[in-house]
N, C-alpha and C. Protein backbone atom coordinates (compact mmCIF):
# COMPACT_ATOMS: atom_id res chain seq x y z
N TRP A 1 3.26 9.52 -3.95
CA TRP A 1 4.24 10.28 -3.21
C TRP A 1 5.39 9.39 -2.82
N ARG A 2 6.52 10.01 -2.55
CA ARG A 2 7.72 9.30 -2.11
C ARG A 2 8.41 10.19 -1.08
N LEU A 3 8.76 9.59 0.06
CA LEU A 3 9.48 10.31 1.12
C LEU A 3 10.81 9.60 1.33
N THR A 4 11.90 10.33 1.15
CA THR A 4 13.24 9.77 1.28
C THR A 4 14.01 10.51 2.36
N ALA A 5 14.66 9.76 3.23
CA ALA A 5 15.54 10.33 4.24
C ALA A 5 16.98 10.01 3.83
N THR A 6 17.87 10.95 4.07
CA THR A 6 19.27 10.78 3.70
C THR A 6 20.15 11.17 4.88
N ASP A 7 21.14 10.32 5.14
CA ASP A 7 22.14 10.60 6.17
C ASP A 7 23.49 10.61 5.48
N ASP A 8 24.03 11.80 5.22
CA ASP A 8 25.31 11.87 4.54
C ASP A 8 26.48 11.95 5.52
N THR A 9 26.19 11.76 6.81
CA THR A 9 27.24 11.71 7.82
C THR A 9 27.84 10.31 7.90
N ASN A 10 26.99 9.29 7.77
CA ASN A 10 27.41 7.90 7.88
C ASN A 10 27.30 7.23 6.52
N ASN A 11 28.28 7.48 5.65
CA ASN A 11 28.24 6.93 4.29
C ASN A 11 28.46 5.42 4.30
N ASP A 12 27.98 4.76 3.24
CA ASP A 12 28.18 3.32 3.11
C ASP A 12 29.62 3.02 2.66
N ALA A 13 29.92 1.76 2.45
CA ALA A 13 31.28 1.34 2.10
C ALA A 13 31.77 1.95 0.79
N ASP A 14 30.85 2.34 -0.09
CA ASP A 14 31.22 2.96 -1.36
C ASP A 14 31.26 4.48 -1.29
N GLY A 15 31.02 5.04 -0.09
CA GLY A 15 31.04 6.48 0.09
C GLY A 15 29.73 7.18 -0.20
N ASN A 16 28.67 6.40 -0.42
CA ASN A 16 27.36 6.98 -0.72
C ASN A 16 26.59 7.24 0.58
N PRO A 17 25.77 8.28 0.60
CA PRO A 17 24.96 8.53 1.80
C PRO A 17 24.00 7.38 2.06
N GLN A 18 23.70 7.14 3.32
CA GLN A 18 22.68 6.15 3.69
C GLN A 18 21.32 6.77 3.39
N THR A 19 20.43 5.99 2.78
CA THR A 19 19.09 6.48 2.48
C THR A 19 18.05 5.43 2.85
N ALA A 20 16.86 5.90 3.07
CA ALA A 20 15.70 5.04 3.27
C ALA A 20 14.51 5.74 2.62
N THR A 21 13.63 4.97 2.03
CA THR A 21 12.50 5.54 1.29
C THR A 21 11.21 4.80 1.62
N VAL A 22 10.14 5.56 1.67
CA VAL A 22 8.80 5.00 1.78
C VAL A 22 7.96 5.69 0.70
N TYR A 23 7.03 4.95 0.12
CA TYR A 23 6.21 5.56 -0.93
C TYR A 23 4.79 5.02 -0.87
N GLY A 24 3.90 5.71 -1.51
CA GLY A 24 2.51 5.29 -1.54
C GLY A 24 1.71 6.19 -2.44
N SER A 25 0.41 6.11 -2.31
CA SER A 25 -0.48 6.99 -3.06
C SER A 25 -1.49 7.56 -2.08
N GLN A 26 -2.03 8.69 -2.41
CA GLN A 26 -2.98 9.36 -1.53
C GLN A 26 -4.06 10.01 -2.35
N GLY A 27 -5.30 9.62 -2.12
CA GLY A 27 -6.42 10.29 -2.75
C GLY A 27 -6.64 11.64 -2.10
N LEU A 28 -7.10 12.58 -2.87
CA LEU A 28 -7.37 13.92 -2.35
C LEU A 28 -8.85 14.24 -2.54
N ASP A 29 -9.38 15.03 -1.64
CA ASP A 29 -10.78 15.41 -1.69
C ASP A 29 -11.02 16.34 -2.89
N THR A 30 -11.88 15.92 -3.79
CA THR A 30 -12.19 16.75 -4.97
C THR A 30 -13.65 17.17 -4.99
N SER A 31 -14.28 17.14 -3.81
CA SER A 31 -15.70 17.49 -3.75
C SER A 31 -15.95 18.97 -4.01
N ASP A 32 -14.96 19.82 -3.77
CA ASP A 32 -15.11 21.25 -4.02
C ASP A 32 -13.97 21.70 -4.92
N LEU A 33 -14.28 21.94 -6.18
CA LEU A 33 -13.26 22.33 -7.15
C LEU A 33 -13.25 23.84 -7.41
N SER A 34 -13.80 24.62 -6.49
CA SER A 34 -13.86 26.07 -6.69
C SER A 34 -12.47 26.71 -6.70
N SER A 35 -11.49 26.08 -6.09
CA SER A 35 -10.13 26.62 -6.11
C SER A 35 -9.21 25.74 -6.96
N PHE A 36 -9.78 25.15 -8.02
CA PHE A 36 -9.05 24.26 -8.92
C PHE A 36 -7.79 24.94 -9.44
N ILE A 37 -6.70 24.20 -9.47
CA ILE A 37 -5.43 24.69 -10.03
C ILE A 37 -5.06 23.77 -11.19
N ALA A 38 -4.84 24.36 -12.35
CA ALA A 38 -4.46 23.57 -13.53
C ALA A 38 -3.13 22.87 -13.28
N PHE A 39 -2.97 21.68 -13.85
CA PHE A 39 -1.77 20.88 -13.66
C PHE A 39 -0.51 21.69 -13.96
N ALA A 40 -0.52 22.44 -15.05
CA ALA A 40 0.66 23.21 -15.46
C ALA A 40 1.04 24.27 -14.43
N SER A 41 0.10 24.65 -13.57
CA SER A 41 0.37 25.68 -12.56
C SER A 41 0.77 25.12 -11.21
N LEU A 42 0.77 23.81 -11.07
CA LEU A 42 1.16 23.19 -9.80
C LEU A 42 2.66 23.23 -9.61
N ASP A 43 3.07 23.28 -8.35
CA ASP A 43 4.48 23.11 -8.04
C ASP A 43 4.60 22.08 -6.92
N ALA A 44 5.80 21.58 -6.72
CA ALA A 44 6.02 20.51 -5.76
C ALA A 44 5.57 20.90 -4.35
N ALA A 45 5.81 22.14 -3.96
CA ALA A 45 5.45 22.58 -2.61
C ALA A 45 3.94 22.51 -2.38
N LYS A 46 3.16 22.89 -3.37
CA LYS A 46 1.69 22.87 -3.24
C LYS A 46 1.19 21.43 -3.12
N VAL A 47 1.67 20.57 -4.00
CA VAL A 47 1.25 19.17 -3.97
C VAL A 47 1.68 18.51 -2.66
N GLN A 48 2.90 18.81 -2.21
CA GLN A 48 3.37 18.26 -0.94
C GLN A 48 2.47 18.69 0.20
N SER A 49 2.05 19.94 0.22
CA SER A 49 1.17 20.41 1.29
C SER A 49 -0.17 19.68 1.27
N TRP A 50 -0.70 19.40 0.09
CA TRP A 50 -1.96 18.65 0.00
C TRP A 50 -1.80 17.23 0.53
N VAL A 51 -0.73 16.57 0.10
CA VAL A 51 -0.51 15.17 0.51
C VAL A 51 -0.27 15.09 2.02
N GLU A 52 0.58 15.98 2.55
CA GLU A 52 0.85 15.95 3.98
C GLU A 52 -0.41 16.24 4.80
N ALA A 53 -1.25 17.14 4.32
CA ALA A 53 -2.50 17.43 5.03
C ALA A 53 -3.42 16.22 5.00
N ALA A 54 -3.49 15.53 3.87
CA ALA A 54 -4.35 14.35 3.75
C ALA A 54 -3.83 13.20 4.60
N LEU A 55 -2.51 13.05 4.68
CA LEU A 55 -1.92 11.97 5.48
C LEU A 55 -2.02 12.26 6.98
N THR A 56 -2.02 13.47 7.36
CA THR A 56 -2.00 14.04 8.72
C THR A 56 -0.57 14.17 9.21
N ALA A 57 -0.34 15.17 10.03
CA ALA A 57 0.99 15.46 10.56
C ALA A 57 1.53 14.29 11.37
N ASP A 58 0.67 13.62 12.14
CA ASP A 58 1.13 12.49 12.94
C ASP A 58 1.66 11.36 12.07
N THR A 59 0.97 11.07 10.97
CA THR A 59 1.40 10.01 10.07
C THR A 59 2.73 10.36 9.42
N VAL A 60 2.89 11.61 8.98
CA VAL A 60 4.14 12.05 8.35
C VAL A 60 5.28 11.93 9.37
N THR A 61 5.03 12.34 10.61
CA THR A 61 6.05 12.23 11.66
C THR A 61 6.42 10.77 11.90
N GLU A 62 5.43 9.88 11.94
CA GLU A 62 5.70 8.45 12.12
C GLU A 62 6.54 7.90 10.97
N MET A 63 6.24 8.31 9.74
CA MET A 63 7.02 7.85 8.60
C MET A 63 8.46 8.34 8.69
N LYS A 64 8.65 9.60 9.06
CA LYS A 64 10.00 10.14 9.18
C LYS A 64 10.77 9.41 10.28
N THR A 65 10.11 9.13 11.38
CA THR A 65 10.74 8.39 12.48
C THR A 65 11.14 6.99 12.01
N GLY A 66 10.27 6.34 11.25
CA GLY A 66 10.57 5.02 10.71
C GLY A 66 11.74 5.04 9.75
N LEU A 67 11.84 6.08 8.93
CA LEU A 67 12.96 6.20 8.00
C LEU A 67 14.27 6.41 8.76
N ASP A 68 14.22 7.24 9.81
CA ASP A 68 15.41 7.44 10.63
C ASP A 68 15.85 6.12 11.26
N ALA A 69 14.88 5.33 11.73
CA ALA A 69 15.21 4.03 12.33
C ALA A 69 15.81 3.08 11.29
N ALA A 70 15.31 3.12 10.07
CA ALA A 70 15.84 2.26 9.01
C ALA A 70 17.29 2.62 8.69
N ILE A 71 17.57 3.90 8.66
CA ILE A 71 18.95 4.33 8.41
C ILE A 71 19.84 3.93 9.58
N ALA A 72 19.36 4.12 10.81
CA ALA A 72 20.14 3.72 11.99
C ALA A 72 20.45 2.23 11.96
N GLU A 73 19.50 1.43 11.49
CA GLU A 73 19.71 -0.02 11.39
C GLU A 73 20.79 -0.33 10.34
N LYS A 74 20.85 0.43 9.27
CA LYS A 74 21.90 0.24 8.26
C LYS A 74 23.26 0.60 8.83
N VAL A 75 23.32 1.70 9.58
CA VAL A 75 24.58 2.18 10.13
C VAL A 75 25.09 1.26 11.24
N THR A 76 24.18 0.86 12.13
CA THR A 76 24.52 0.00 13.26
C THR A 76 23.53 -1.15 13.30
N PRO A 77 23.75 -2.19 12.50
CA PRO A 77 22.78 -3.30 12.43
C PRO A 77 22.64 -4.02 13.78
N THR A 78 21.43 -4.43 14.06
CA THR A 78 21.18 -5.21 15.28
C THR A 78 21.42 -6.69 15.05
N SER A 79 21.53 -7.10 13.79
CA SER A 79 21.89 -8.48 13.46
C SER A 79 22.56 -8.49 12.09
N VAL A 80 23.40 -9.50 11.88
CA VAL A 80 24.11 -9.65 10.61
C VAL A 80 24.03 -11.11 10.20
N THR A 81 23.71 -11.36 8.95
CA THR A 81 23.65 -12.73 8.42
C THR A 81 25.00 -13.06 7.78
N LYS A 82 25.56 -14.18 8.17
CA LYS A 82 26.83 -14.63 7.61
C LYS A 82 26.67 -16.04 7.07
N THR A 83 27.38 -16.35 5.99
CA THR A 83 27.33 -17.67 5.37
C THR A 83 28.69 -18.35 5.55
N ILE A 84 28.66 -19.57 5.99
CA ILE A 84 29.89 -20.33 6.19
C ILE A 84 30.18 -21.15 4.94
N GLY A 85 31.44 -21.15 4.52
CA GLY A 85 31.85 -22.02 3.43
C GLY A 85 31.75 -21.43 2.05
N GLU A 86 31.53 -20.17 1.90
CA GLU A 86 31.50 -19.59 0.55
C GLU A 86 32.69 -18.73 0.33
């Protein structure tokens, strides 16, 4: 899975929206396959609901909060590295 946050209000120097991304993998419970759905019949919304349920709502909220913080740090950095003499 991949979760991306986008802020198109505070664009970067090239005019692109600020983005932050987190990604990972999530195993799903396959102990009961009575409601099996063939791969060709899956859609993004169904898979997203499975992954979010497995991760838990609190974890998804924490990830979204972290992405918002990462974008805020890009927009208003708390520190900047500068090199002298180049």
